Amino acid sequence: MKLSEDLLKKLAKHYEPSSMVDLTFKGNDVSFKTDEVGNPVLLFIGKRTDDGNIRGERYARRLKFADDGTLVKDHWELKGKAT
C-alpha cells in the first residue's frame, strides 16, 4: 500500500521528540515513533487491537541530510506486516 499525499503531509510535520504519537486517519489507526528531533521515523497503520497494538503495515523512514543540514532524501519504505 502506498502512503497517501494527505498522510505524508501529516508526517512531514515535527512532533514531540522521542515519543509515540497515536491518531486516526481516514478510518485507519496510525501510530508513529519520532526521533530525537521530532521527525516521524517508524509508522504503523491499520486497526488497533484491544491491547493497543496495531495490526496492519509497518513503514520506516529514511532521512538523509547534507553537511549544511538541508534535507537531501526523504523516503518511506514498507517493511511488512505489523502485528
PDB file of N, CA and C in Angstrom:
ATOM      1  N   MET A   1       0.830  -1.176   0.000  1.00  0.00           N
ATOM      2  CA  MET A   1       0.000   0.000   0.000  1.00  0.00           C
ATOM      3  C   MET A   1       0.880   1.247   0.000  1.00  0.00           C
ATOM      4  N   LYS A   2       0.626   2.141  -0.897  1.00  0.00           N
ATOM      5  CA  LYS A   2       1.364   3.388  -0.984  1.00  0.00           C
ATOM      6  C   LYS A   2       0.742   4.395  -0.016  1.00  0.00           C
ATOM      7  N   LEU A   3       1.582   5.193   0.632  1.00  0.00           N
ATOM      8  CA  LEU A   3       1.085   6.208   1.558  1.00  0.00           C
ATOM      9  C   LEU A   3       0.473   7.364   0.769  1.00  0.00           C
ATOM     10  N   SER A   4      -0.676   7.844   1.223  1.00  0.00           N
ATOM     11  CA  SER A   4      -1.368   8.920   0.518  1.00  0.00           C
ATOM     12  C   SER A   4      -0.668  10.259   0.750  1.00  0.00           C
ATOM     13  N   GLU A   5      -0.908  11.189  -0.156  1.00  0.00           N
ATOM     14  CA  GLU A   5      -0.309  12.521  -0.049  1.00  0.00           C
ATOM     15  C   GLU A   5      -0.763  13.235   1.229  1.00  0.00           C
ATOM     16  N   ASP A   6      -2.048  13.053   1.606  1.00  0.00           N
ATOM     17  CA  ASP A   6      -2.562  13.688   2.826  1.00  0.00           C
ATOM     18  C   ASP A   6      -1.841  13.160   4.065  1.00  0.00           C
ATOM     19  N   LEU A   7      -1.592  11.857   4.114  1.00  0.00           N
ATOM     20  CA  LEU A   7      -0.877  11.280   5.248  1.00  0.00           C
ATOM     21  C   LEU A   7       0.579  11.731   5.249  1.00  0.00           C
ATOM     22  N   LEU A   8       1.192  11.814   4.086  1.00  0.00           N
ATOM     23  CA  LEU A   8       2.580  12.285   4.012  1.00  0.00           C
ATOM     24  C   LEU A   8       2.704  13.721   4.500  1.00  0.00           C
ATOM     25  N   LYS A   9       1.683  14.553   4.248  1.00  0.00           N
ATOM     26  CA  LYS A   9       1.694  15.931   4.744  1.00  0.00           C
ATOM     27  C   LYS A   9       1.668  15.953   6.265  1.00  0.00           C
ATOM     28  N   LYS A  10       0.862  15.066   6.880  1.00  0.00           N
ATOM     29  CA  LYS A  10       0.823  14.971   8.345  1.00  0.00           C
ATOM     30  C   LYS A  10       2.167  14.501   8.893  1.00  0.00           C
ATOM     31  N   LEU A  11       2.791  13.574   8.187  1.00  0.00           N
ATOM     32  CA  LEU A  11       4.063  13.015   8.640  1.00  0.00           C
ATOM     33  C   LEU A  11       5.241  13.949   8.387  1.00  0.00           C
ATOM     34  N   ALA A  12       5.043  14.983   7.601  1.00  0.00           N
ATOM     35  CA  ALA A  12       6.123  15.938   7.330  1.00  0.00           C
ATOM     36  C   ALA A  12       6.277  16.947   8.468  1.00  0.00           C
ATOM     37  N   LYS A  13       5.299  17.003   9.363  1.00  0.00           N
ATOM     38  CA  LYS A  13       5.358  17.937  10.493  1.00  0.00           C
ATOM     39  C   LYS A  13       6.299  17.408  11.563  1.00  0.00           C
ATOM     40  N   HIS A  14       6.687  18.311  12.468  1.00  0.00           N
ATOM     41  CA  HIS A  14       7.501  17.928  13.623  1.00  0.00           C
ATOM     42  C   HIS A  14       6.587  17.723  14.818  1.00  0.00           C
ATOM     43  N   TYR A  15       6.884  16.696  15.607  1.00  0.00           N
ATOM     44  CA  TYR A  15       6.115  16.357  16.794  1.00  0.00           C
ATOM     45  C   TYR A  15       7.050  16.344  17.991  1.00  0.00           C
ATOM     46  N   GLU A  16       6.535  15.933  19.139  1.00  0.00           N
ATOM     47  CA  GLU A  16       7.357  15.877  20.340  1.00  0.00           C
ATOM     48  C   GLU A  16       8.506  14.882  20.124  1.00  0.00           C
ATOM     49  N   PRO A  17       9.728  15.273  20.436  1.00  0.00           N
ATOM     50  CA  PRO A  17      10.885  14.393  20.205  1.00  0.00           C
ATOM     51  C   PRO A  17      10.816  13.106  21.030  1.00  0.00           C
ATOM     52  N   SER A  18      11.318  12.031  20.459  1.00  0.00           N
ATOM     53  CA  SER A  18      11.435  10.717  21.105  1.00  0.00           C
ATOM     54  C   SER A  18      10.143  10.281  21.785  1.00  0.00           C
ATOM     55  N   SER A  19       9.058  10.282  21.032  1.00  0.00           N
ATOM     56  CA  SER A  19       7.768   9.898  21.600  1.00  0.00           C
ATOM     57  C   SER A  19       7.004   9.024  20.604  1.00  0.00           C
ATOM     58  N   MET A  20       5.894   8.469  21.075  1.00  0.00           N
ATOM     59  CA  MET A  20       4.998   7.683  20.240  1.00  0.00           C
ATOM     60  C   MET A  20       3.700   8.470  20.131  1.00  0.00           C
ATOM     61  N   VAL A  21       3.242   8.722  18.901  1.00  0.00           N
ATOM     62  CA  VAL A  21       2.041   9.518  18.642  1.00  0.00           C
ATOM     63  C   VAL A  21       0.982   8.603  18.051  1.00  0.00           C
ATOM     64  N   ASP A  22      -0.229   8.653  18.626  1.00  0.00           N
ATOM     65  CA  ASP A  22      -1.353   7.854  18.147  1.00  0.00           C
ATOM     66  C   ASP A  22      -2.424   8.785  17.603  1.00  0.00           C
ATOM     67  N   LEU A  23      -2.974   8.455  16.426  1.00  0.00           N
ATOM     68  CA  LEU A  23      -4.065   9.232  15.854  1.00  0.00           C
ATOM     69  C   LEU A  23      -4.865   8.358  14.906  1.00  0.00           C
ATOM     70  N   THR A  24      -5.989   8.898  14.438  1.00  0.00           N
ATOM     71  CA  THR A  24      -6.829   8.212  13.460  1.00  0.00           C
ATOM     72  C   THR A  24      -6.800   9.013  12.172  1.00  0.00           C
ATOM     73  N   PHE A  25      -6.652   8.316  11.041  1.00  0.00           N
ATOM     74  CA  PHE A  25      -6.578   8.981   9.748  1.00  0.00           C
ATOM     75  C   PHE A  25      -7.404   8.210   8.743  1.00  0.00           C
ATOM     76  N   LYS A  26      -8.474   8.816   8.259  1.00  0.00           N
ATOM     77  CA  LYS A  26      -9.358   8.238   7.232  1.00  0.00           C
ATOM     78  C   LYS A  26      -9.769   6.800   7.546  1.00  0.00           C
ATOM     79  N   GLY A  27     -10.209   6.564   8.776  1.00  0.00           N
ATOM     80  CA  GLY A  27     -10.704   5.258   9.177  1.00  0.00           C
ATOM     81  C   GLY A  27      -9.650   4.267   9.619  1.00  0.00           C
ATOM     82  N   ASN A  28      -8.382   4.621   9.518  1.00  0.00           N
ATOM     83  CA  ASN A  28      -7.291   3.757   9.969  1.00  0.00           C
ATOM     84  C   ASN A  28      -6.686   4.322  11.241  1.00  0.00           C
ATOM     85  N   ASP A  29      -6.233   3.431  12.102  1.00  0.00           N
ATOM     86  CA  ASP A  29      -5.473   3.853  13.274  1.00  0.00           C
ATOM     87  C   ASP A  29      -4.016   3.977  12.859  1.00  0.00           C
ATOM     88  N   VAL A  30      -3.378   5.043  13.314  1.00  0.00           N
ATOM     89  CA  VAL A  30      -1.998   5.333  12.946  1.00  0.00           C
ATOM     90  C   VAL A  30      -1.205   5.600  14.216  1.00  0.00           C
ATOM     91  N   SER A  31      -0.051   4.979  14.325  1.00  0.00           N
ATOM     92  CA  SER A  31       0.895   5.266  15.398  1.00  0.00           C
ATOM     93  C   SER A  31       2.263   5.453  14.762  1.00  0.00           C
ATOM     94  N   PHE A  32       3.001   6.432  15.259  1.00  0.00           N
ATOM     95  CA  PHE A  32       4.366   6.599  14.765  1.00  0.00           C
ATOM     96  C   PHE A  32       5.286   7.046  15.875  1.00  0.00           C
ATOM     97  N   LYS A  33       6.532   6.621  15.739  1.00  0.00           N
ATOM     98  CA  LYS A  33       7.579   6.961  16.689  1.00  0.00           C
ATOM     99  C   LYS A  33       8.419   8.075  16.081  1.00  0.00           C
ATOM    100  N   THR A  34       8.806   9.034  16.912  1.00  0.00           N
ATOM    101  CA  THR A  34       9.608  10.154  16.427  1.00  0.00           C
ATOM    102  C   THR A  34      11.056  10.011  16.893  1.00  0.00           C
ATOM    103  N   ASP A  35      11.952  10.660  16.149  1.00  0.00           N
ATOM    104  CA  ASP A  35      13.362  10.647  16.519  1.00  0.00           C
ATOM    105  C   ASP A  35      13.645  11.758  17.527  1.00  0.00           C
ATOM    106  N   GLU A  36      14.919  12.007  17.803  1.00  0.00           N
ATOM    107  CA  GLU A  36      15.297  12.996  18.817  1.00  0.00           C
ATOM    108  C   GLU A  36      15.012  14.433  18.390  1.00  0.00           C
ATOM    109  N   VAL A  37      14.717  14.651  17.110  1.00  0.00           N
ATOM    110  CA  VAL A  37      14.378  15.994  16.610  1.00  0.00           C
ATOM    111  C   VAL A  37      12.867  16.184  16.533  1.00  0.00           C
ATOM    112  N   GLY A  38      12.113  15.103  16.421  1.00  0.00           N
ATOM    113  CA  GLY A  38      10.665  15.179  16.314  1.00  0.00           C
ATOM    114  C   GLY A  38      10.125  14.747  14.966  1.00  0.00           C
ATOM    115  N   ASN A  39      10.980  14.208  14.105  1.00  0.00           N
ATOM    116  CA  ASN A  39      10.547  13.685  12.807  1.00  0.00           C
ATOM    117  C   ASN A  39       9.985  12.276  12.982  1.00  0.00           C
ATOM    118  N   PRO A  40       8.802  11.975  12.429  1.00  0.00           N
ATOM    119  CA  PRO A  40       8.310  10.597  12.455  1.00  0.00           C
ATOM    120  C   PRO A  40       9.255   9.694  11.653  1.00  0.00           C
ATOM    121  N   VAL A  41       9.671   8.568  12.253  1.00  0.00           N
ATOM    122  CA  VAL A  41      10.614   7.675  11.577  1.00  0.00           C
ATOM    123  C   VAL A  41      10.121   6.242  11.480  1.00  0.00           C
ATOM    124  N   LEU A  42       9.154   5.842  12.300  1.00  0.00           N
ATOM    125  CA  LEU A  42       8.608   4.492  12.276  1.00  0.00           C
ATOM    126  C   LEU A  42       7.092   4.609  12.331  1.00  0.00           C
ATOM    127  N   LEU A  43       6.394   4.015  11.357  1.00  0.00           N
ATOM    128  CA  LEU A  43       4.960   4.202  11.202  1.00  0.00           C
ATOM    129  C   LEU A  43       4.245   2.862  11.202  1.00  0.00           C
ATOM    130  N   PHE A  44       3.149   2.796  11.957  1.00  0.00           N
ATOM    131  CA  PHE A  44       2.262   1.639  11.970  1.00  0.00           C
ATOM    132  C   PHE A  44       0.892   2.127  11.549  1.00  0.00           C
ATOM    133  N   ILE A  45       0.274   1.471  10.552  1.00  0.00           N
ATOM    134  CA  ILE A  45      -1.043   1.881  10.076  1.00  0.00           C
ATOM    135  C   ILE A  45      -1.905   0.634   9.888  1.00  0.00           C
ATOM    136  N   GLY A  46      -3.133   0.698  10.386  1.00  0.00           N
ATOM    137  CA  GLY A  46      -4.058  -0.427  10.305  1.00  0.00           C
ATOM    138  C   GLY A  46      -5.168  -0.252  11.321  1.00  0.00           C
ATOM    139  N   LYS A  47      -5.542  -1.329  11.993  1.00  0.00           N
ATOM    140  CA  LYS A  47      -6.587  -1.301  13.012  1.00  0.00           C
ATOM    141  C   LYS A  47      -5.975  -1.627  14.366  1.00  0.00           C
ATOM    142  N   ARG A  48      -6.340  -0.844  15.380  1.00  0.00           N
ATOM    143  CA  ARG A  48      -5.827  -1.036  16.732  1.00  0.00           C
ATOM    144  C   ARG A  48      -6.557  -2.203  17.400  1.00  0.00           C
ATOM    145  N   THR A  49      -5.811  -3.092  18.050  1.00  0.00           N
ATOM    146  CA  THR A  49      -6.393  -4.219  18.770  1.00  0.00           C
ATOM    147  C   THR A  49      -6.731  -3.794  20.193  1.00  0.00           C
ATOM    148  N   ASP A  50      -7.340  -4.695  20.951  1.00  0.00           N
ATOM    149  CA  ASP A  50      -7.737  -4.387  22.327  1.00  0.00           C
ATOM    150  C   ASP A  50      -6.551  -4.070  23.230  1.00  0.00           C
ATOM    151  N   ASP A  51      -5.391  -4.663  22.946  1.00  0.00           N
ATOM    152  CA  ASP A  51      -4.217  -4.406  23.783  1.00  0.00           C
ATOM    153  C   ASP A  51      -3.443  -3.152  23.363  1.00  0.00           C
ATOM    154  N   GLY A  52      -3.913  -2.424  22.348  1.00  0.00           N
ATOM    155  CA  GLY A  52      -3.299  -1.161  21.954  1.00  0.00           C
ATOM    156  C   GLY A  52      -2.341  -1.247  20.784  1.00  0.00           C
ATOM    157  N   ASN A  53      -2.007  -2.446  20.362  1.00  0.00           N
ATOM    158  CA  ASN A  53      -1.118  -2.611  19.205  1.00  0.00           C
ATOM    159  C   ASN A  53      -1.912  -2.458  17.912  1.00  0.00           C
ATOM    160  N   ILE A  54      -1.196  -2.202  16.824  1.00  0.00           N
ATOM    161  CA  ILE A  54      -1.841  -2.045  15.520  1.00  0.00           C
ATOM    162  C   ILE A  54      -1.542  -3.253  14.647  1.00  0.00           C
ATOM    163  N   ARG A  55      -2.609  -3.799  14.046  1.00  0.00           N
ATOM    164  CA  ARG A  55      -2.474  -4.873  13.066  1.00  0.00           C
ATOM    165  C   ARG A  55      -2.621  -4.224  11.698  1.00  0.00           C
ATOM    166  N   GLY A  56      -1.614  -4.343  10.885  1.00  0.00           N
ATOM    167  CA  GLY A  56      -1.645  -3.725   9.569  1.00  0.00           C
ATOM    168  C   GLY A  56      -0.273  -3.745   8.948  1.00  0.00           C
ATOM    169  N   GLU A  57       0.232  -2.565   8.604  1.00  0.00           N
ATOM    170  CA  GLU A  57       1.524  -2.467   7.927  1.00  0.00           C
ATOM    171  C   GLU A  57       2.483  -1.582   8.710  1.00  0.00           C
ATOM    172  N   ARG A  58       3.766  -1.839   8.513  1.00  0.00           N
ATOM    173  CA  ARG A  58       4.828  -1.099   9.189  1.00  0.00           C
ATOM    174  C   ARG A  58       5.717  -0.454   8.134  1.00  0.00           C
ATOM    175  N   TYR A  59       6.034   0.818   8.352  1.00  0.00           N
ATOM    176  CA  TYR A  59       6.893   1.582   7.444  1.00  0.00           C
ATOM    177  C   TYR A  59       8.047   2.178   8.234  1.00  0.00           C
ATOM    178  N   ALA A  60       9.178   2.329   7.584  1.00  0.00           N
ATOM    179  CA  ALA A  60      10.337   3.001   8.165  1.00  0.00           C
ATOM    180  C   ALA A  60      10.732   4.149   7.242  1.00  0.00           C
ATOM    181  N   ARG A  61      11.181   5.229   7.844  1.00  0.00           N
ATOM    182  CA  ARG A  61      11.538   6.421   7.077  1.00  0.00           C
ATOM    183  C   ARG A  61      13.045   6.601   7.042  1.00  0.00           C
ATOM    184  N   ARG A  62      13.554   6.915   5.866  1.00  0.00           N
ATOM    185  CA  ARG A  62      14.967   7.220   5.705  1.00  0.00           C
ATOM    186  C   ARG A  62      15.099   8.713   5.453  1.00  0.00           C
ATOM    187  N   LEU A  63      15.784   9.390   6.347  1.00  0.00           N
ATOM    188  CA  LEU A  63      16.071  10.810   6.187  1.00  0.00           C
ATOM    189  C   LEU A  63      17.572  10.976   6.015  1.00  0.00           C
ATOM    190  N   LYS A  64      17.959  11.701   4.976  1.00  0.00           N
ATOM    191  CA  LYS A  64      19.378  11.949   4.729  1.00  0.00           C
ATOM    192  C   LYS A  64      19.576  13.449   4.605  1.00  0.00           C
ATOM    193  N   PHE A  65      20.523  13.967   5.377  1.00  0.00           N
ATOM    194  CA  PHE A  65      20.788  15.397   5.390  1.00  0.00           C
ATOM    195  C   PHE A  65      22.186  15.675   4.863  1.00  0.00           C
ATOM    196  N   ALA A  66      22.345  16.828   4.211  1.00  0.00           N
ATOM    197  CA  ALA A  66      23.656  17.272   3.736  1.00  0.00           C
ATOM    198  C   ALA A  66      24.439  17.832   4.925  1.00  0.00           C
ATOM    199  N   ASP A  67      25.701  18.127   4.711  1.00  0.00           N
ATOM    200  CA  ASP A  67      26.549  18.657   5.781  1.00  0.00           C
ATOM    201  C   ASP A  67      26.032  19.984   6.325  1.00  0.00           C
ATOM    202  N   ASP A  68      25.367  20.749   5.476  1.00  0.00           N
ATOM    203  CA  ASP A  68      24.855  22.047   5.931  1.00  0.00           C
ATOM    204  C   ASP A  68      23.465  21.935   6.575  1.00  0.00           C
ATOM    205  N   GLY A  69      22.932  20.708   6.703  1.00  0.00           N
ATOM    206  CA  GLY A  69      21.665  20.497   7.380  1.00  0.00           C
ATOM    207  C   GLY A  69      20.436  20.465   6.490  1.00  0.00           C
ATOM    208  N   THR A  70      20.608  20.645   5.188  1.00  0.00           N
ATOM    209  CA  THR A  70      19.460  20.597   4.283  1.00  0.00           C
ATOM    210  C   THR A  70      19.065  19.142   4.011  1.00  0.00           C
ATOM    211  N   LEU A  71      17.792  18.929   3.832  1.00  0.00           N
ATOM    212  CA  LEU A  71      17.262  17.592   3.586  1.00  0.00           C
ATOM    213  C   LEU A  71      17.566  17.174   2.155  1.00  0.00           C
ATOM    214  N   VAL A  72      18.235  16.026   2.004  1.00  0.00           N
ATOM    215  CA  VAL A  72      18.607  15.512   0.696  1.00  0.00           C
ATOM    216  C   VAL A  72      17.644  14.413   0.261  1.00  0.00           C
ATOM    217  N   LYS A  73      17.285  13.527   1.204  1.00  0.00           N
ATOM    218  CA  LYS A  73      16.447  12.378   0.866  1.00  0.00           C
ATOM    219  C   LYS A  73      15.428  12.153   1.972  1.00  0.00           C
ATOM    220  N   ASP A  74      14.172  11.916   1.568  1.00  0.00           N
ATOM    221  CA  ASP A  74      13.083  11.621   2.494  1.00  0.00           C
ATOM    222  C   ASP A  74      12.251  10.519   1.856  1.00  0.00           C
ATOM    223  N   HIS A  75      12.345   9.307   2.400  1.00  0.00           N
ATOM    224  CA  HIS A  75      11.717   8.155   1.757  1.00  0.00           C
ATOM    225  C   HIS A  75      11.097   7.242   2.800  1.00  0.00           C
ATOM    226  N   TRP A  76       9.822   6.850   2.584  1.00  0.00           N
ATOM    227  CA  TRP A  76       9.140   5.873   3.431  1.00  0.00           C
ATOM    228  C   TRP A  76       9.186   4.520   2.730  1.00  0.00           C
ATOM    229  N   GLU A  77       9.606   3.472   3.460  1.00  0.00           N
ATOM    230  CA  GLU A  77       9.716   2.148   2.894  1.00  0.00           C
ATOM    231  C   GLU A  77       8.842   1.162   3.663  1.00  0.00           C
ATOM    232  N   LEU A  78       8.045   0.377   2.931  1.00  0.00           N
ATOM    233  CA  LEU A  78       7.210  -0.647   3.536  1.00  0.00           C
ATOM    234  C   LEU A  78       8.109  -1.767   4.047  1.00  0.00           C
ATOM    235  N   LYS A  79       7.977  -2.075   5.337  1.00  0.00           N
ATOM    236  CA  LYS A  79       8.813  -3.113   5.945  1.00  0.00           C
ATOM    237  C   LYS A  79       8.070  -4.420   6.159  1.00  0.00           C
ATOM    238  N   GLY A  80       6.748  -4.418   6.007  1.00  0.00           N
ATOM    239  CA  GLY A  80       5.992  -5.658   6.153  1.00  0.00           C
ATOM    240  C   GLY A  80       4.807  -5.501   7.072  1.00  0.00           C
ATOM    241  N   LYS A  81       4.326  -6.631   7.552  1.00  0.00           N
ATOM    242  CA  LYS A  81       3.148  -6.660   8.406  1.00  0.00           C
ATOM    243  C   LYS A  81       3.480  -6.213   9.817  1.00  0.00           C
ATOM    244  N   ALA A  82       2.526  -5.523  10.435  1.00  0.00           N
ATOM    245  CA  ALA A  82       2.623  -5.142  11.843  1.00  0.00           C
ATOM    246  C   ALA A  82       1.575  -5.938  12.591  1.00  0.00           C
ATOM    247  N   THR A  83       2.007  -6.633  13.644  1.00  0.00           N
ATOM    248  CA  THR A  83       1.075  -7.440  14.417  1.00  0.00           C
ATOM    249  C   THR A  83       1.047  -7.018  15.857  1.00  0.00           C
TER     250      THR A  83
END
